[in-house]
Full PDB file with SEQRES, HELIX, SHEET, SSBOND, CRYST1, ORIGX, SCALE, CONECT and MASTER records, all heavy atoms in Angstrom:
SEQRES   1 A   41  SER VAL GLN ASP PRO ILE THR LYS PHE PHE PRO ASP TYR          
SEQRES   2 A   41  PRO THR ASP GLY ASN GLU ILE THR VAL HIS HIS LEU LEU          
SEQRES   3 A   41  ASN HIS THR SER GLY ILE LYS SER TYR THR GLY MET GLN          
SEQRES   4 A   41  SER PHE                                                      
HELIX    1 AA1 ILE A    6  LYS A    8  5                                   3    
HELIX    2 AA2 VAL A   22  LEU A   26  1                                   5    
HELIX    3 AA3 TYR A   35  GLY A   37  5                                   3    
CRYST1    1.000    1.000    1.000  90.00  90.00  90.00 P 1           1          
ORIGX1      1.000000  0.000000  0.000000        0.00000                         
ORIGX2      0.000000  1.000000  0.000000        0.00000                         
ORIGX3      0.000000  0.000000  1.000000        0.00000                         
SCALE1      1.000000  0.000000  0.000000        0.00000                         
SCALE2      0.000000  1.000000  0.000000        0.00000                         
SCALE3      0.000000  0.000000  1.000000        0.00000                         
ATOM      1  N   SER A   1      -5.180   3.685  13.241  1.00  0.00           N  
ATOM      2  CA  SER A   1      -3.882   3.300  13.801  1.00  0.00           C  
ATOM      3  C   SER A   1      -2.911   3.083  12.656  1.00  0.00           C  
ATOM      4  O   SER A   1      -3.312   2.619  11.579  1.00  0.00           O  
ATOM      5  CB  SER A   1      -4.000   2.012  14.617  1.00  0.00           C  
ATOM      6  OG  SER A   1      -2.712   1.460  14.892  1.00  0.00           O  
ATOM      7  N   VAL A   2      -1.642   3.407  12.885  1.00  0.00           N  
ATOM      8  CA  VAL A   2      -0.652   3.175  11.829  1.00  0.00           C  
ATOM      9  C   VAL A   2      -0.467   1.682  11.581  1.00  0.00           C  
ATOM     10  O   VAL A   2       0.126   1.289  10.566  1.00  0.00           O  
ATOM     11  CB  VAL A   2       0.703   3.842  12.148  1.00  0.00           C  
ATOM     12  CG1 VAL A   2       0.563   5.352  12.214  1.00  0.00           C  
ATOM     13  CG2 VAL A   2       1.323   3.290  13.424  1.00  0.00           C  
ATOM     14  N   GLN A   3      -0.961   0.854  12.482  1.00  0.00           N  
ATOM     15  CA  GLN A   3      -0.882  -0.600  12.290  1.00  0.00           C  
ATOM     16  C   GLN A   3      -2.106  -1.151  11.565  1.00  0.00           C  
ATOM     17  O   GLN A   3      -2.176  -2.349  11.300  1.00  0.00           O  
ATOM     18  CB  GLN A   3      -0.711  -1.296  13.641  1.00  0.00           C  
ATOM     19  CG  GLN A   3       0.566  -0.904  14.384  1.00  0.00           C  
ATOM     20  CD  GLN A   3       1.824  -1.075  13.541  1.00  0.00           C  
ATOM     21  OE1 GLN A   3       1.935  -2.047  12.773  1.00  0.00           O  
ATOM     22  NE2 GLN A   3       2.772  -0.157  13.666  1.00  0.00           N  
ATOM     23  N   ASP A   4      -3.051  -0.287  11.232  1.00  0.00           N  
ATOM     24  CA  ASP A   4      -4.213  -0.742  10.467  1.00  0.00           C  
ATOM     25  C   ASP A   4      -3.793  -1.199   9.081  1.00  0.00           C  
ATOM     26  O   ASP A   4      -3.009  -0.515   8.400  1.00  0.00           O  
ATOM     27  CB  ASP A   4      -5.223   0.400  10.302  1.00  0.00           C  
ATOM     28  CG  ASP A   4      -5.988   0.714  11.574  1.00  0.00           C  
ATOM     29  OD1 ASP A   4      -6.070  -0.171  12.443  1.00  0.00           O  
ATOM     30  OD2 ASP A   4      -6.501   1.850  11.686  1.00  0.00           O  
ATOM     31  N   PRO A   5      -4.321  -2.341   8.617  1.00  0.00           N  
ATOM     32  CA  PRO A   5      -4.074  -2.728   7.224  1.00  0.00           C  
ATOM     33  C   PRO A   5      -4.844  -1.799   6.293  1.00  0.00           C  
ATOM     34  O   PRO A   5      -5.924  -1.300   6.645  1.00  0.00           O  
ATOM     35  CB  PRO A   5      -4.605  -4.158   7.150  1.00  0.00           C  
ATOM     36  CG  PRO A   5      -5.641  -4.232   8.225  1.00  0.00           C  
ATOM     37  CD  PRO A   5      -5.161  -3.328   9.332  1.00  0.00           C  
ATOM     38  N   ILE A   6      -4.299  -1.568   5.113  1.00  0.00           N  
ATOM     39  CA  ILE A   6      -4.973  -0.644   4.198  1.00  0.00           C  
ATOM     40  C   ILE A   6      -6.300  -1.215   3.708  1.00  0.00           C  
ATOM     41  O   ILE A   6      -7.182  -0.469   3.266  1.00  0.00           O  
ATOM     42  CB  ILE A   6      -4.079  -0.242   3.016  1.00  0.00           C  
ATOM     43  CG1 ILE A   6      -3.731  -1.441   2.137  1.00  0.00           C  
ATOM     44  CG2 ILE A   6      -2.818   0.439   3.522  1.00  0.00           C  
ATOM     45  CD1 ILE A   6      -2.969  -1.036   0.862  1.00  0.00           C  
ATOM     46  N   THR A   7      -6.460  -2.538   3.825  1.00  0.00           N  
ATOM     47  CA  THR A   7      -7.734  -3.146   3.416  1.00  0.00           C  
ATOM     48  C   THR A   7      -8.868  -2.782   4.375  1.00  0.00           C  
ATOM     49  O   THR A   7     -10.034  -2.994   4.053  1.00  0.00           O  
ATOM     50  CB  THR A   7      -7.586  -4.673   3.334  1.00  0.00           C  
ATOM     51  OG1 THR A   7      -6.980  -5.160   4.537  1.00  0.00           O  
ATOM     52  CG2 THR A   7      -6.736  -5.070   2.143  1.00  0.00           C  
ATOM     53  N   LYS A   8      -8.542  -2.227   5.552  1.00  0.00           N  
ATOM     54  CA  LYS A   8      -9.585  -1.722   6.446  1.00  0.00           C  
ATOM     55  C   LYS A   8     -10.309  -0.552   5.795  1.00  0.00           C  
ATOM     56  O   LYS A   8     -11.513  -0.356   6.002  1.00  0.00           O  
ATOM     57  CB  LYS A   8      -8.963  -1.290   7.776  1.00  0.00           C  
ATOM     58  CG  LYS A   8      -9.944  -0.645   8.741  1.00  0.00           C  
ATOM     59  CD  LYS A   8      -9.271  -0.231  10.039  1.00  0.00           C  
ATOM     60  CE  LYS A   8     -10.254   0.479  10.972  1.00  0.00           C  
ATOM     61  NZ  LYS A   8      -9.608   0.873  12.258  1.00  0.00           N  
ATOM     62  N   PHE A   9      -9.562   0.220   5.014  1.00  0.00           N  
ATOM     63  CA  PHE A   9     -10.127   1.404   4.367  1.00  0.00           C  
ATOM     64  C   PHE A   9     -10.536   1.128   2.924  1.00  0.00           C  
ATOM     65  O   PHE A   9     -11.477   1.731   2.409  1.00  0.00           O  
ATOM     66  CB  PHE A   9      -9.113   2.545   4.419  1.00  0.00           C  
ATOM     67  CG  PHE A   9      -8.561   2.783   5.804  1.00  0.00           C  
ATOM     68  CD1 PHE A   9      -7.325   2.254   6.175  1.00  0.00           C  
ATOM     69  CD2 PHE A   9      -9.294   3.488   6.742  1.00  0.00           C  
ATOM     70  CE1 PHE A   9      -6.823   2.458   7.455  1.00  0.00           C  
ATOM     71  CE2 PHE A   9      -8.799   3.692   8.021  1.00  0.00           C  
ATOM     72  CZ  PHE A   9      -7.563   3.172   8.385  1.00  0.00           C  
ATOM     73  N   PHE A  10      -9.804   0.209   2.283  1.00  0.00           N  
ATOM     74  CA  PHE A  10     -10.083  -0.147   0.890  1.00  0.00           C  
ATOM     75  C   PHE A  10     -10.097  -1.672   0.793  1.00  0.00           C  
ATOM     76  O   PHE A  10      -9.086  -2.301   0.452  1.00  0.00           O  
ATOM     77  CB  PHE A  10      -9.015   0.446  -0.038  1.00  0.00           C  
ATOM     78  CG  PHE A  10      -8.868   1.938   0.099  1.00  0.00           C  
ATOM     79  CD1 PHE A  10      -7.819   2.485   0.822  1.00  0.00           C  
ATOM     80  CD2 PHE A  10      -9.801   2.797  -0.466  1.00  0.00           C  
ATOM     81  CE1 PHE A  10      -7.696   3.852   0.974  1.00  0.00           C  
ATOM     82  CE2 PHE A  10      -9.685   4.165  -0.322  1.00  0.00           C  
ATOM     83  CZ  PHE A  10      -8.625   4.701   0.403  1.00  0.00           C  
ATOM     84  N   PRO A  11     -11.231  -2.285   1.151  1.00  0.00           N  
ATOM     85  CA  PRO A  11     -11.312  -3.754   1.246  1.00  0.00           C  
ATOM     86  C   PRO A  11     -10.913  -4.487  -0.027  1.00  0.00           C  
ATOM     87  O   PRO A  11     -10.426  -5.625   0.040  1.00  0.00           O  
ATOM     88  CB  PRO A  11     -12.791  -4.001   1.583  1.00  0.00           C  
ATOM     89  CG  PRO A  11     -13.236  -2.739   2.251  1.00  0.00           C  
ATOM     90  CD  PRO A  11     -12.485  -1.641   1.548  1.00  0.00           C  
ATOM     91  N   ASP A  12     -11.111  -3.851  -1.188  1.00  0.00           N  
ATOM     92  CA  ASP A  12     -10.822  -4.545  -2.441  1.00  0.00           C  
ATOM     93  C   ASP A  12      -9.421  -4.241  -2.975  1.00  0.00           C  
ATOM     94  O   ASP A  12      -9.098  -4.615  -4.112  1.00  0.00           O  
ATOM     95  CB  ASP A  12     -11.864  -4.184  -3.498  1.00  0.00           C  
ATOM     96  CG  ASP A  12     -11.846  -2.698  -3.874  1.00  0.00           C  
ATOM     97  OD1 ASP A  12     -11.267  -1.906  -3.095  1.00  0.00           O  
ATOM     98  OD2 ASP A  12     -12.409  -2.339  -4.924  1.00  0.00           O  
ATOM     99  N   TYR A  13      -8.575  -3.572  -2.152  1.00  0.00           N  
ATOM    100  CA  TYR A  13      -7.241  -3.251  -2.661  1.00  0.00           C  
ATOM    101  C   TYR A  13      -6.429  -4.548  -2.817  1.00  0.00           C  
ATOM    102  O   TYR A  13      -6.297  -5.332  -1.870  1.00  0.00           O  
ATOM    103  CB  TYR A  13      -6.500  -2.294  -1.723  1.00  0.00           C  
ATOM    104  CG  TYR A  13      -5.263  -1.692  -2.391  1.00  0.00           C  
ATOM    105  CD1 TYR A  13      -5.335  -0.457  -3.002  1.00  0.00           C  
ATOM    106  CD2 TYR A  13      -4.065  -2.398  -2.457  1.00  0.00           C  
ATOM    107  CE1 TYR A  13      -4.243   0.088  -3.650  1.00  0.00           C  
ATOM    108  CE2 TYR A  13      -2.968  -1.877  -3.113  1.00  0.00           C  
ATOM    109  CZ  TYR A  13      -3.059  -0.633  -3.708  1.00  0.00           C  
ATOM    110  OH  TYR A  13      -1.972  -0.110  -4.361  1.00  0.00           O  
ATOM    111  N   PRO A  14      -5.848  -4.783  -4.002  1.00  0.00           N  
ATOM    112  CA  PRO A  14      -5.088  -6.032  -4.228  1.00  0.00           C  
ATOM    113  C   PRO A  14      -3.705  -5.966  -3.574  1.00  0.00           C  
ATOM    114  O   PRO A  14      -2.827  -5.247  -4.047  1.00  0.00           O  
ATOM    115  CB  PRO A  14      -4.980  -6.098  -5.755  1.00  0.00           C  
ATOM    116  CG  PRO A  14      -5.067  -4.669  -6.209  1.00  0.00           C  
ATOM    117  CD  PRO A  14      -5.953  -3.960  -5.219  1.00  0.00           C  
ATOM    118  N   THR A  15      -3.500  -6.708  -2.508  1.00  0.00           N  
ATOM    119  CA  THR A  15      -2.232  -6.660  -1.762  1.00  0.00           C  
ATOM    120  C   THR A  15      -1.292  -7.806  -2.113  1.00  0.00           C  
ATOM    121  O   THR A  15      -0.205  -7.901  -1.541  1.00  0.00           O  
ATOM    122  CB  THR A  15      -2.497  -6.688  -0.258  1.00  0.00           C  
ATOM    123  OG1 THR A  15      -3.149  -7.921   0.080  1.00  0.00           O  
ATOM    124  CG2 THR A  15      -3.371  -5.509   0.166  1.00  0.00           C  
ATOM    125  N   ASP A  16      -1.712  -8.691  -3.025  1.00  0.00           N  
ATOM    126  CA  ASP A  16      -0.876  -9.820  -3.453  1.00  0.00           C  
ATOM    127  C   ASP A  16      -0.424 -10.663  -2.261  1.00  0.00           C  
ATOM    128  O   ASP A  16       0.707 -11.142  -2.208  1.00  0.00           O  
ATOM    129  CB  ASP A  16       0.334  -9.300  -4.235  1.00  0.00           C  
ATOM    130  CG  ASP A  16       1.032 -10.390  -5.038  1.00  0.00           C  
ATOM    131  OD1 ASP A  16       0.371 -11.392  -5.367  1.00  0.00           O  
ATOM    132  OD2 ASP A  16       2.240 -10.245  -5.320  1.00  0.00           O  
ATOM    133  N   GLY A  17      -1.297 -10.800  -1.282  1.00  0.00           N  
ATOM    134  CA  GLY A  17      -0.991 -11.628  -0.119  1.00  0.00           C  
ATOM    135  C   GLY A  17      -0.159 -10.945   0.946  1.00  0.00           C  
ATOM    136  O   GLY A  17       0.187 -11.575   1.952  1.00  0.00           O  
ATOM    137  N   ASN A  18       0.177  -9.671   0.747  1.00  0.00           N  
ATOM    138  CA  ASN A  18       0.980  -8.938   1.722  1.00  0.00           C  
ATOM    139  C   ASN A  18       0.084  -8.243   2.746  1.00  0.00           C  
ATOM    140  O   ASN A  18      -1.016  -7.802   2.420  1.00  0.00           O  
ATOM    141  CB  ASN A  18       1.825  -7.874   1.020  1.00  0.00           C  
ATOM    142  CG  ASN A  18       2.929  -8.475   0.181  1.00  0.00           C  
ATOM    143  OD1 ASN A  18       4.004  -8.769   0.667  1.00  0.00           O  
ATOM    144  ND2 ASN A  18       2.648  -8.674  -1.103  1.00  0.00           N  
ATOM    145  N   GLU A  19       0.558  -8.141   3.976  1.00  0.00           N  
ATOM    146  CA  GLU A  19      -0.120  -7.361   5.008  1.00  0.00           C  
ATOM    147  C   GLU A  19       0.454  -5.949   4.958  1.00  0.00           C  
ATOM    148  O   GLU A  19       1.472  -5.639   5.593  1.00  0.00           O  
ATOM    149  CB  GLU A  19       0.107  -7.983   6.385  1.00  0.00           C  
ATOM    150  CG  GLU A  19      -0.508  -7.209   7.538  1.00  0.00           C  
ATOM    151  CD  GLU A  19      -2.011  -7.436   7.693  1.00  0.00           C  
ATOM    152  OE1 GLU A  19      -2.592  -8.186   6.881  1.00  0.00           O  
ATOM    153  OE2 GLU A  19      -2.604  -6.876   8.616  1.00  0.00           O  
ATOM    154  N   ILE A  20      -0.174  -5.083   4.169  1.00  0.00           N  
ATOM    155  CA  ILE A  20       0.299  -3.706   3.996  1.00  0.00           C  
ATOM    156  C   ILE A  20      -0.442  -2.817   4.978  1.00  0.00           C  
ATOM    157  O   ILE A  20      -1.674  -2.728   4.946  1.00  0.00           O  
ATOM    158  CB  ILE A  20       0.058  -3.213   2.555  1.00  0.00           C  
ATOM    159  CG1 ILE A  20       0.700  -4.150   1.534  1.00  0.00           C  
ATOM    160  CG2 ILE A  20       0.617  -1.804   2.386  1.00  0.00           C  
ATOM    161  CD1 ILE A  20       0.353  -3.827   0.087  1.00  0.00           C  
ATOM    162  N   THR A  21       0.295  -2.147   5.853  1.00  0.00           N  
ATOM    163  CA  THR A  21      -0.319  -1.287   6.863  1.00  0.00           C  
ATOM    164  C   THR A  21      -0.065   0.183   6.537  1.00  0.00           C  
ATOM    165  O   THR A  21       0.739   0.525   5.662  1.00  0.00           O  
ATOM    166  CB  THR A  21       0.254  -1.592   8.259  1.00  0.00           C  
ATOM    167  OG1 THR A  21       1.644  -1.221   8.280  1.00  0.00           O  
ATOM    168  CG2 THR A  21       0.111  -3.070   8.602  1.00  0.00           C  
ATOM    169  N   VAL A  22      -0.733   1.046   7.284  1.00  0.00           N  
ATOM    170  CA  VAL A  22      -0.507   2.485   7.160  1.00  0.00           C  
ATOM    171  C   VAL A  22       0.965   2.806   7.425  1.00  0.00           C  
ATOM    172  O   VAL A  22       1.554   3.663   6.761  1.00  0.00           O  
ATOM    173  CB  VAL A  22      -1.428   3.247   8.136  1.00  0.00           C  
ATOM    174  CG1 VAL A  22      -1.083   4.731   8.181  1.00  0.00           C  
ATOM    175  CG2 VAL A  22      -2.891   3.048   7.745  1.00  0.00           C  
ATOM    176  N   HIS A  23       1.558   2.104   8.374  1.00  0.00           N  
ATOM    177  CA  HIS A  23       2.987   2.266   8.677  1.00  0.00           C  
ATOM    178  C   HIS A  23       3.845   2.063   7.434  1.00  0.00           C  
ATOM    179  O   HIS A  23       4.766   2.844   7.165  1.00  0.00           O  
ATOM    180  CB  HIS A  23       3.386   1.257   9.771  1.00  0.00           C  
ATOM    181  CG  HIS A  23       4.852   1.033   9.922  1.00  0.00           C  
ATOM    182  ND1 HIS A  23       5.677   1.862  10.654  1.00  0.00           N  
ATOM    183  CD2 HIS A  23       5.666   0.058   9.418  1.00  0.00           C  
ATOM    184  CE1 HIS A  23       6.917   1.414  10.607  1.00  0.00           C  
ATOM    185  NE2 HIS A  23       6.940   0.326   9.865  1.00  0.00           N  
ATOM    186  N   HIS A  24       3.552   1.039   6.656  1.00  0.00           N  
ATOM    187  CA  HIS A  24       4.340   0.750   5.458  1.00  0.00           C  
ATOM    188  C   HIS A  24       4.186   1.848   4.406  1.00  0.00           C  
ATOM    189  O   HIS A  24       5.125   2.126   3.652  1.00  0.00           O  
ATOM    190  CB  HIS A  24       3.935  -0.599   4.862  1.00  0.00           C  
ATOM    191  CG  HIS A  24       4.241  -1.767   5.741  1.00  0.00           C  
ATOM    192  ND1 HIS A  24       3.290  -2.653   6.161  1.00  0.00           N  
ATOM    193  CD2 HIS A  24       5.415  -2.175   6.305  1.00  0.00           C  
ATOM    194  CE1 HIS A  24       3.845  -3.579   6.930  1.00  0.00           C  
ATOM    195  NE2 HIS A  24       5.132  -3.308   7.034  1.00  0.00           N  
ATOM    196  N   LEU A  25       3.012   2.461   4.347  1.00  0.00           N  
ATOM    197  CA  LEU A  25       2.825   3.574   3.416  1.00  0.00           C  
ATOM    198  C   LEU A  25       3.649   4.782   3.857  1.00  0.00           C  
ATOM    199  O   LEU A  25       4.260   5.462   3.035  1.00  0.00           O  
ATOM    200  CB  LEU A  25       1.345   3.971   3.353  1.00  0.00           C  
ATOM    201  CG  LEU A  25       0.335   2.890   2.956  1.00  0.00           C  
ATOM    202  CD1 LEU A  25      -1.076   3.475   2.978  1.00  0.00           C  
ATOM    203  CD2 LEU A  25       0.650   2.320   1.573  1.00  0.00           C  
ATOM    204  N   LEU A  26       3.651   5.039   5.151  1.00  0.00           N  
ATOM    205  CA  LEU A  26       4.340   6.215   5.685  1.00  0.00           C  
ATOM    206  C   LEU A  26       5.848   6.154   5.496  1.00  0.00           C  
ATOM    207  O   LEU A  26       6.496   7.171   5.266  1.00  0.00           O  
ATOM    208  CB  LEU A  26       4.020   6.366   7.179  1.00  0.00           C  
ATOM    209  CG  LEU A  26       2.611   6.867   7.522  1.00  0.00           C  
ATOM    210  CD1 LEU A  26       2.288   6.576   8.979  1.00  0.00           C  
ATOM    211  CD2 LEU A  26       2.486   8.364   7.237  1.00  0.00           C  
ATOM    212  N   ASN A  27       6.429   4.950   5.601  1.00  0.00           N  
ATOM    213  CA  ASN A  27       7.899   4.869   5.559  1.00  0.00           C  
ATOM    214  C   ASN A  27       8.438   4.213   4.290  1.00  0.00           C  
ATOM    215  O   ASN A  27       9.599   3.803   4.228  1.00  0.00           O  
ATOM    216  CB  ASN A  27       8.451   4.162   6.800  1.00  0.00           C  
ATOM    217  CG  ASN A  27       8.303   2.652   6.756  1.00  0.00           C  
ATOM    218  OD1 ASN A  27       7.490   2.111   5.988  1.00  0.00           O  
ATOM    219  ND2 ASN A  27       9.068   1.953   7.575  1.00  0.00           N  
ATOM    220  N   HIS A  28       7.604   4.127   3.244  1.00  0.00           N  
ATOM    221  CA  HIS A  28       8.060   3.688   1.908  1.00  0.00           C  
ATOM    222  C   HIS A  28       8.545   2.238   1.871  1.00  0.00           C  
ATOM    223  O   HIS A  28       9.489   1.911   1.153  1.00  0.00           O  
ATOM    224  CB  HIS A  28       9.175   4.605   1.388  1.00  0.00           C  
ATOM    225  CG  HIS A  28       8.806   6.041   1.301  1.00  0.00           C  
ATOM    226  ND1 HIS A  28       7.853   6.525   0.442  1.00  0.00           N  
ATOM    227  CD2 HIS A  28       9.255   7.121   1.994  1.00  0.00           C  
ATOM    228  CE1 HIS A  28       7.741   7.845   0.594  1.00  0.00           C  
ATOM    229  NE2 HIS A  28       8.565   8.222   1.533  1.00  0.00           N  
ATOM    230  N   THR A  29       7.915   1.360   2.640  1.00  0.00           N  
ATOM    231  CA  THR A  29       8.311  -0.050   2.608  1.00  0.00           C  
ATOM    232  C   THR A  29       7.172  -0.954   2.154  1.00  0.00           C  
ATOM    233  O   THR A  29       7.231  -2.165   2.342  1.00  0.00           O  
ATOM    234  CB  THR A  29       8.809  -0.511   3.995  1.00  0.00           C  
ATOM    235  OG1 THR A  29       7.760  -0.330   4.967  1.00  0.00           O  
ATOM    236  CG2 THR A  29      10.043   0.275   4.430  1.00  0.00           C  
ATOM    237  N   SER A  30       6.141  -0.365   1.531  1.00  0.00           N  
ATOM    238  CA  SER A  30       4.960  -1.154   1.162  1.00  0.00           C  
ATOM    239  C   SER A  30       5.221  -2.096   0.001  1.00  0.00           C  
ATOM    240  O   SER A  30       4.607  -3.160  -0.088  1.00  0.00           O  
ATOM    241  CB  SER A  30       3.799  -0.224   0.806  1.00  0.00           C  
ATOM    242  OG  SER A  30       4.058   0.461  -0.421  1.00  0.00           O  
ATOM    243  N   GLY A  31       6.087  -1.702  -0.923  1.00  0.00           N  
ATOM    244  CA  GLY A  31       6.293  -2.489  -2.137  1.00  0.00           C  
ATOM    245  C   GLY A  31       5.327  -2.148  -3.249  1.00  0.00           C  
ATOM    246  O   GLY A  31       5.445  -2.666  -4.369  1.00  0.00           O  
ATOM    247  N   ILE A  32       4.356  -1.277  -2.964  1.00  0.00           N  
ATOM    248  CA  ILE A  32       3.405  -0.849  -3.992  1.00  0.00           C  
ATOM    249  C   ILE A  32       4.142  -0.052  -5.073  1.00  0.00           C  
ATOM    250  O   ILE A  32       5.071   0.699  -4.785  1.00  0.00           O  
ATOM    251  CB  ILE A  32       2.287   0.014  -3.355  1.00  0.00           C  
ATOM    252  CG1 ILE A  32       1.412  -0.859  -2.450  1.00  0.00           C  
ATOM    253  CG2 ILE A  32       1.446   0.700  -4.407  1.00  0.00           C  
ATOM    254  CD1 ILE A  32       0.421  -0.072  -1.614  1.00  0.00           C  
ATOM    255  N   LYS A  33       3.727  -0.221  -6.305  1.00  0.00           N  
ATOM    256  CA  LYS A  33       4.347   0.502  -7.426  1.00  0.00           C  
ATOM    257  C   LYS A  33       4.122   2.000  -7.274  1.00  0.00           C  
ATOM    258  O   LYS A  33       3.009   2.460  -7.038  1.00  0.00           O  
ATOM    259  CB  LYS A  33       3.731   0.026  -8.742  1.00  0.00           C  
ATOM    260  CG  LYS A  33       4.260   0.722  -9.987  1.00  0.00           C  
ATOM    261  CD  LYS A  33       5.658   0.252 -10.320  1.00  0.00           C  
ATOM    262  CE  LYS A  33       5.650  -1.222 -10.689  1.00  0.00           C  
ATOM    263  NZ  LYS A  33       7.022  -1.719 -10.936  1.00  0.00           N  
ATOM    264  N   SER A  34       5.208   2.774  -7.392  1.00  0.00           N  
ATOM    265  CA  SER A  34       5.099   4.228  -7.317  1.00  0.00           C  
ATOM    266  C   SER A  34       4.616   4.759  -8.667  1.00  0.00           C  
ATOM    267  O   SER A  34       5.276   4.572  -9.690  1.00  0.00           O  
ATOM    268  CB  SER A  34       6.431   4.863  -6.946  1.00  0.00           C  
ATOM    269  OG  SER A  34       6.296   6.264  -6.796  1.00  0.00           O  
ATOM    270  N   TYR A  35       3.491   5.438  -8.664  1.00  0.00           N  
ATOM    271  CA  TYR A  35       2.882   5.856  -9.935  1.00  0.00           C  
ATOM    272  C   TYR A  35       3.739   6.858 -10.701  1.00  0.00           C  
ATOM    273  O   TYR A  35       3.690   6.913 -11.924  1.00  0.00           O  
ATOM    274  CB  TYR A  35       1.485   6.421  -9.692  1.00  0.00           C  
ATOM    275  CG  TYR A  35       1.422   7.805  -9.078  1.00  0.00           C  
ATOM    276  CD1 TYR A  35       1.137   8.918  -9.850  1.00  0.00           C  
ATOM    277  CD2 TYR A  35       1.624   7.996  -7.714  1.00  0.00           C  
ATOM    278  CE1 TYR A  35       1.053  10.190  -9.289  1.00  0.00           C  
ATOM    279  CE2 TYR A  35       1.551   9.252  -7.143  1.00  0.00           C  
ATOM    280  CZ  TYR A  35       1.269  10.348  -7.928  1.00  0.00           C  
ATOM    281  OH  TYR A  35       1.211  11.598  -7.374  1.00  0.00           O  
ATOM    282  N   THR A  36       4.565   7.636  -9.987  1.00  0.00           N  
ATOM    283  CA  THR A  36       5.403   8.610 -10.685  1.00  0.00           C  
ATOM    284  C   THR A  36       6.561   7.946 -11.422  1.00  0.00           C  
ATOM    285  O   THR A  36       7.228   8.599 -12.234  1.00  0.00           O  
ATOM    286  CB  THR A  36       5.950   9.656  -9.702  1.00  0.00           C  
ATOM    287  OG1 THR A  36       6.539   8.989  -8.576  1.00  0.00           O  
ATOM    288  CG2 THR A  36       4.844  10.565  -9.218  1.00  0.00           C  
ATOM    289  N   GLY A  37       6.805   6.677 -11.150  1.00  0.00           N  
ATOM    290  CA  GLY A  37       7.835   5.947 -11.879  1.00  0.00           C  
ATOM    291  C   GLY A  37       7.295   5.200 -13.081  1.00  0.00           C  
ATOM    292  O   GLY A  37       8.047   4.548 -13.804  1.00  0.00           O  
ATOM    293  N   MET A  38       6.002   5.304 -13.324  1.00  0.00           N  
ATOM    294  CA  MET A  38       5.375   4.621 -14.453  1.00  0.00           C  
ATOM    295  C   MET A  38       5.352   5.554 -15.646  1.00  0.00           C  
ATOM    296  O   MET A  38       4.756   6.638 -15.597  1.00  0.00           O  
ATOM    297  CB  MET A  38       3.955   4.195 -14.081  1.00  0.00           C  
ATOM    298  CG  MET A  38       3.887   3.216 -12.929  1.00  0.00           C  
ATOM    299  SD  MET A  38       2.198   3.025 -12.253  1.00  0.00           S  
ATOM    300  CE  MET A  38       1.312   2.462 -13.716  1.00  0.00           C  
ATOM    301  N   GLN A  39       6.023   5.160 -16.721  1.00  0.00           N  
ATOM    302  CA  GLN A  39       6.122   6.011 -17.899  1.00  0.00           C  
ATOM    303  C   GLN A  39       4.745   6.377 -18.428  1.00  0.00           C  
ATOM    304  O   GLN A  39       4.498   7.516 -18.834  1.00  0.00           O  
ATOM    305  CB  GLN A  39       6.928   5.305 -18.994  1.00  0.00           C  
ATOM    306  CG  GLN A  39       7.070   6.106 -20.277  1.00  0.00           C  
ATOM    307  CD  GLN A  39       7.844   7.400 -20.084  1.00  0.00           C  
ATOM    308  OE1 GLN A  39       8.692   7.470 -19.203  1.00  0.00           O  
ATOM    309  NE2 GLN A  39       7.561   8.413 -20.882  1.00  0.00           N  
ATOM    310  N   SER A  40       3.818   5.453 -18.368  1.00  0.00           N  
ATOM    311  CA  SER A  40       2.488   5.715 -18.907  1.00  0.00           C  
ATOM    312  C   SER A  40       1.777   6.816 -18.141  1.00  0.00           C  
ATOM    313  O   SER A  40       0.897   7.498 -18.689  1.00  0.00           O  
ATOM    314  CB  SER A  40       1.641   4.434 -18.871  1.00  0.00           C  
ATOM    315  OG  SER A  40       1.622   3.874 -17.563  1.00  0.00           O  
ATOM    316  N   PHE A  41       2.143   7.009 -16.879  1.00  0.00           N  
ATOM    317  CA  PHE A  41       1.462   8.037 -16.104  1.00  0.00           C  
ATOM    318  C   PHE A  41       1.895   9.434 -16.520  1.00  0.00           C  
ATOM    319  O   PHE A  41       1.154  10.401 -16.320  1.00  0.00           O  
ATOM    320  CB  PHE A  41       1.722   7.843 -14.602  1.00  0.00           C  
ATOM    321  CG  PHE A  41       0.820   8.691 -13.742  1.00  0.00           C  
ATOM    322  CD1 PHE A  41      -0.472   8.279 -13.473  1.00  0.00           C  
ATOM    323  CD2 PHE A  41       1.254   9.896 -13.221  1.00  0.00           C  
ATOM    324  CE1 PHE A  41      -1.323   9.061 -12.702  1.00  0.00           C  
ATOM    325  CE2 PHE A  41       0.416  10.678 -12.453  1.00  0.00           C  
ATOM    326  CZ  PHE A  41      -0.880  10.264 -12.184  1.00  0.00           C  
TER     327      PHE A  41                                                      
MASTER        0    0    0    3    0    0    0    6  326    1    0    4          
END                                                                             
């Protein structure tokens, strides 16, 4: 479900106390760091 938290699939993912769902990944509102914006990447 798009309302599933991502920890359902990756239990050890560090969410910093946020309830991050599949919905948030789909519409760019998760707050997770975008890897393409990281100079080191």
